N, C-alpha and C. Protein backbone atom coordinates (compact mmCIF):
# COMPACT_ATOMS: atom_id res chain seq x y z
N MET A 1 -96.09 2.27 -1.52
CA MET A 1 -95.41 2.24 -2.73
C MET A 1 -95.57 0.94 -3.44
N THR A 2 -95.68 0.78 -4.77
CA THR A 2 -95.99 -0.28 -5.60
C THR A 2 -94.65 -1.08 -5.71
N GLN A 3 -94.73 -2.19 -5.49
CA GLN A 3 -93.45 -3.06 -5.71
C GLN A 3 -93.53 -3.72 -7.26
N ARG A 4 -92.47 -3.57 -7.96
CA ARG A 4 -92.30 -4.02 -9.33
C ARG A 4 -91.33 -5.04 -9.42
N LEU A 5 -91.70 -6.38 -9.21
CA LEU A 5 -90.66 -7.55 -9.17
C LEU A 5 -90.27 -7.87 -10.57
N HIS A 6 -89.07 -8.19 -10.86
CA HIS A 6 -88.42 -8.57 -12.12
C HIS A 6 -87.70 -9.90 -11.85
N LEU A 7 -88.01 -10.82 -12.80
CA LEU A 7 -87.14 -12.08 -12.69
C LEU A 7 -86.02 -12.09 -13.82
N VAL A 8 -84.77 -12.44 -13.64
CA VAL A 8 -83.86 -12.49 -14.59
C VAL A 8 -83.52 -14.05 -14.84
N PHE A 9 -83.53 -14.45 -16.00
CA PHE A 9 -83.30 -15.94 -16.08
C PHE A 9 -82.67 -16.16 -17.53
N GLY A 10 -82.04 -17.37 -17.75
CA GLY A 10 -81.50 -17.50 -19.14
C GLY A 10 -80.99 -18.91 -19.33
N GLY A 11 -80.78 -19.17 -20.55
CA GLY A 11 -80.29 -20.51 -20.99
C GLY A 11 -79.94 -20.65 -22.47
N GLU A 12 -79.70 -21.91 -22.85
CA GLU A 12 -79.21 -22.04 -24.23
C GLU A 12 -80.46 -22.37 -24.95
N LEU A 13 -80.53 -21.68 -26.21
CA LEU A 13 -81.69 -21.82 -27.08
C LEU A 13 -81.41 -22.70 -28.13
N VAL A 14 -82.62 -23.35 -28.64
CA VAL A 14 -82.35 -24.35 -29.85
C VAL A 14 -81.81 -23.65 -31.05
N ASP A 15 -82.39 -22.39 -31.21
CA ASP A 15 -81.93 -21.59 -32.28
C ASP A 15 -81.91 -20.08 -31.89
N PRO A 16 -80.77 -19.36 -32.09
CA PRO A 16 -80.80 -17.97 -31.72
C PRO A 16 -81.99 -17.10 -32.26
N SER A 17 -82.56 -17.40 -33.14
CA SER A 17 -83.49 -16.46 -33.57
C SER A 17 -84.98 -16.78 -33.00
N THR A 18 -85.06 -17.63 -31.97
CA THR A 18 -86.17 -18.12 -31.41
C THR A 18 -85.91 -17.81 -29.82
N THR A 19 -87.12 -18.22 -29.09
CA THR A 19 -86.84 -18.05 -27.66
C THR A 19 -87.29 -19.54 -27.00
N THR A 20 -87.03 -20.65 -27.82
CA THR A 20 -87.25 -21.86 -27.31
C THR A 20 -85.95 -22.46 -26.65
N PHE A 21 -86.08 -22.95 -25.40
CA PHE A 21 -84.67 -23.32 -24.66
C PHE A 21 -84.53 -24.83 -25.15
N ARG A 22 -83.24 -25.14 -25.25
CA ARG A 22 -82.75 -26.38 -25.60
C ARG A 22 -83.10 -27.48 -24.43
N ASP A 23 -83.03 -27.02 -23.13
CA ASP A 23 -83.19 -27.97 -21.93
C ASP A 23 -83.83 -27.09 -20.94
N VAL A 24 -85.13 -27.19 -20.68
CA VAL A 24 -85.91 -26.29 -19.81
C VAL A 24 -85.31 -26.59 -18.29
N ASN A 25 -84.88 -27.97 -17.99
CA ASN A 25 -84.23 -28.16 -16.75
C ASN A 25 -83.00 -27.52 -16.50
N ALA A 26 -82.38 -26.88 -17.55
CA ALA A 26 -80.98 -26.33 -17.36
C ALA A 26 -81.11 -24.79 -17.35
N ILE A 27 -82.44 -24.33 -17.33
CA ILE A 27 -82.60 -22.75 -17.30
C ILE A 27 -81.83 -22.23 -16.04
N HIS A 28 -81.20 -21.16 -16.24
CA HIS A 28 -80.50 -20.55 -15.02
C HIS A 28 -81.27 -19.41 -14.57
N ILE A 29 -81.67 -19.68 -13.27
CA ILE A 29 -82.56 -18.53 -12.72
C ILE A 29 -81.48 -17.52 -11.99
N VAL A 30 -81.27 -16.43 -12.45
CA VAL A 30 -80.28 -15.49 -11.78
C VAL A 30 -80.81 -14.99 -10.56
N GLY A 31 -82.10 -14.48 -10.61
CA GLY A 31 -82.76 -14.17 -9.34
C GLY A 31 -83.79 -13.03 -9.61
N MET A 32 -84.55 -12.71 -8.54
CA MET A 32 -85.79 -11.80 -8.42
C MET A 32 -85.26 -10.36 -8.16
N PHE A 33 -85.76 -9.26 -8.59
CA PHE A 33 -85.09 -7.95 -8.25
C PHE A 33 -86.25 -7.12 -8.06
N PRO A 34 -86.02 -6.31 -7.22
CA PRO A 34 -87.08 -5.25 -6.82
C PRO A 34 -87.33 -4.01 -7.60
N ASP A 35 -86.46 -3.92 -8.72
CA ASP A 35 -86.76 -2.82 -9.64
C ASP A 35 -86.02 -3.15 -10.98
N TYR A 36 -86.30 -2.51 -12.03
CA TYR A 36 -85.94 -2.75 -13.40
C TYR A 36 -84.28 -2.45 -13.34
N ALA A 37 -83.76 -1.43 -12.81
CA ALA A 37 -82.42 -0.99 -12.79
C ALA A 37 -81.58 -2.42 -12.24
N SER A 38 -81.98 -2.74 -11.16
CA SER A 38 -81.07 -3.95 -10.48
C SER A 38 -81.22 -5.12 -11.48
N ALA A 39 -82.35 -5.38 -12.02
CA ALA A 39 -82.62 -6.65 -12.95
C ALA A 39 -81.76 -6.33 -14.13
N HIS A 40 -81.74 -5.15 -14.78
CA HIS A 40 -81.00 -5.02 -15.92
C HIS A 40 -79.53 -5.14 -15.58
N ALA A 41 -78.88 -4.76 -14.47
CA ALA A 41 -77.64 -4.82 -14.17
C ALA A 41 -77.22 -6.33 -14.06
N ALA A 42 -78.10 -7.12 -13.42
CA ALA A 42 -77.88 -8.66 -13.42
C ALA A 42 -77.97 -9.21 -14.65
N TRP A 43 -78.94 -8.76 -15.51
CA TRP A 43 -79.12 -9.42 -16.87
C TRP A 43 -77.74 -9.13 -17.70
N LYS A 44 -77.37 -7.81 -17.67
CA LYS A 44 -76.19 -7.43 -18.34
C LYS A 44 -74.95 -8.41 -17.90
N ASP A 45 -74.74 -8.49 -16.67
CA ASP A 45 -73.74 -9.22 -16.09
C ASP A 45 -73.63 -10.65 -16.79
N TRP A 46 -74.73 -11.39 -16.67
CA TRP A 46 -74.70 -12.64 -17.26
C TRP A 46 -74.75 -12.79 -18.76
N ALA A 47 -75.28 -11.80 -19.32
CA ALA A 47 -75.25 -11.70 -20.89
C ALA A 47 -73.85 -11.60 -21.32
N GLN A 48 -73.00 -10.68 -20.63
CA GLN A 48 -71.65 -10.56 -20.92
C GLN A 48 -70.82 -11.65 -20.70
N LYS A 49 -71.19 -12.34 -19.59
CA LYS A 49 -70.37 -13.45 -19.21
C LYS A 49 -70.61 -14.73 -20.22
N THR A 50 -71.69 -14.69 -20.97
CA THR A 50 -71.98 -15.80 -21.98
C THR A 50 -71.83 -15.28 -23.41
N VAL A 51 -71.34 -14.32 -23.67
CA VAL A 51 -71.27 -13.59 -25.12
C VAL A 51 -70.66 -14.48 -26.08
N ASP A 52 -69.90 -15.36 -25.66
CA ASP A 52 -69.20 -16.43 -26.62
C ASP A 52 -69.92 -17.42 -27.25
N ASN A 53 -71.28 -17.66 -26.29
CA ASN A 53 -71.97 -18.73 -26.88
C ASN A 53 -73.40 -18.05 -27.63
N ALA A 54 -73.45 -18.06 -28.92
CA ALA A 54 -74.38 -17.47 -29.65
C ALA A 54 -75.89 -17.96 -29.32
N HIS A 55 -75.84 -19.35 -28.85
CA HIS A 55 -77.18 -19.81 -28.46
C HIS A 55 -77.65 -19.37 -27.07
N MET A 56 -76.83 -18.78 -26.33
CA MET A 56 -77.16 -18.41 -24.78
C MET A 56 -77.95 -17.09 -24.81
N ARG A 57 -79.06 -17.02 -24.07
CA ARG A 57 -79.80 -15.75 -23.96
C ARG A 57 -80.22 -15.51 -22.58
N TYR A 58 -80.26 -14.43 -22.11
CA TYR A 58 -80.87 -14.04 -20.76
C TYR A 58 -81.98 -13.05 -20.98
N PHE A 59 -83.09 -13.20 -20.18
CA PHE A 59 -84.16 -12.31 -20.11
C PHE A 59 -84.52 -11.76 -18.96
N ILE A 60 -85.24 -10.68 -18.98
CA ILE A 60 -85.82 -10.04 -17.93
C ILE A 60 -87.42 -10.10 -17.93
N THR A 61 -88.05 -10.66 -17.06
CA THR A 61 -89.45 -11.02 -16.95
C THR A 61 -90.06 -9.81 -15.99
N HIS A 62 -91.09 -9.15 -16.48
CA HIS A 62 -91.71 -7.97 -15.62
C HIS A 62 -92.86 -8.83 -14.70
N LEU A 63 -92.65 -9.51 -13.64
CA LEU A 63 -93.41 -10.28 -12.87
C LEU A 63 -94.79 -9.45 -12.39
N HIS A 64 -94.46 -8.01 -12.14
CA HIS A 64 -95.45 -7.20 -11.69
C HIS A 64 -96.73 -7.15 -12.66
N ARG A 65 -96.25 -7.45 -13.90
CA ARG A 65 -97.17 -7.33 -15.16
C ARG A 65 -98.01 -8.48 -15.19
N LEU A 66 -97.69 -9.58 -14.58
CA LEU A 66 -98.41 -10.90 -14.62
C LEU A 66 -99.57 -10.90 -13.80
N MET A 67 -99.46 -10.36 -12.59
CA MET A 67 -100.54 -10.24 -11.68
C MET A 67 -100.77 -8.87 -11.15
N ASP A 68 -101.55 -8.09 -11.69
CA ASP A 68 -101.93 -6.72 -11.06
C ASP A 68 -103.35 -6.83 -10.37
N GLU A 69 -103.39 -6.96 -9.02
CA GLU A 69 -104.72 -7.17 -8.48
C GLU A 69 -105.71 -6.16 -8.86
N GLY A 70 -105.34 -4.99 -9.23
CA GLY A 70 -106.29 -3.96 -9.44
C GLY A 70 -106.73 -3.95 -10.85
N ASP A 71 -106.23 -4.91 -11.83
CA ASP A 71 -106.59 -5.06 -13.12
C ASP A 71 -107.30 -6.28 -13.23
N GLN A 72 -108.66 -6.14 -13.79
CA GLN A 72 -109.45 -7.15 -13.95
C GLN A 72 -108.98 -8.10 -15.11
N ALA A 73 -108.29 -7.63 -15.98
CA ALA A 73 -107.86 -8.48 -17.18
C ALA A 73 -106.49 -9.00 -17.06
N SER A 74 -106.04 -9.06 -15.85
CA SER A 74 -104.65 -9.61 -15.76
C SER A 74 -104.56 -11.07 -16.09
N ALA A 75 -103.62 -11.65 -16.63
CA ALA A 75 -103.21 -12.88 -17.06
C ALA A 75 -103.59 -14.02 -16.15
N THR A 76 -103.20 -13.67 -14.87
CA THR A 76 -103.61 -14.71 -13.87
C THR A 76 -104.98 -14.79 -13.68
N ARG A 77 -105.82 -13.78 -13.59
CA ARG A 77 -107.08 -13.78 -13.27
C ARG A 77 -107.98 -14.53 -14.43
N GLU A 78 -107.15 -14.35 -15.60
CA GLU A 78 -108.02 -15.10 -16.85
C GLU A 78 -107.89 -16.55 -16.73
N LEU A 79 -106.82 -17.07 -16.07
CA LEU A 79 -106.50 -18.36 -15.90
C LEU A 79 -107.35 -18.99 -14.70
N GLY A 80 -108.08 -18.06 -14.04
CA GLY A 80 -109.05 -18.65 -12.94
C GLY A 80 -108.35 -18.64 -11.66
N ALA A 81 -107.19 -18.04 -11.31
CA ALA A 81 -106.66 -18.17 -10.22
C ALA A 81 -107.03 -17.11 -9.13
């Protein structure tokens, strides 16, 4: 079975209309999840906890898309790794 890892993280943005973090060192890593459903639940929980701060955003990253060993055009392979 293929494992599809997802990373949930967030932080305060410089401008809510962009994805530039105010302080990269203060990014909150919520965790790594084995499927989208559990990642979405964690994302929703933290997004709701910080709803009063318009500059705070949480994201779900599909880590399994970054490196697919069966795909010759994966982003990691292009970097020479």
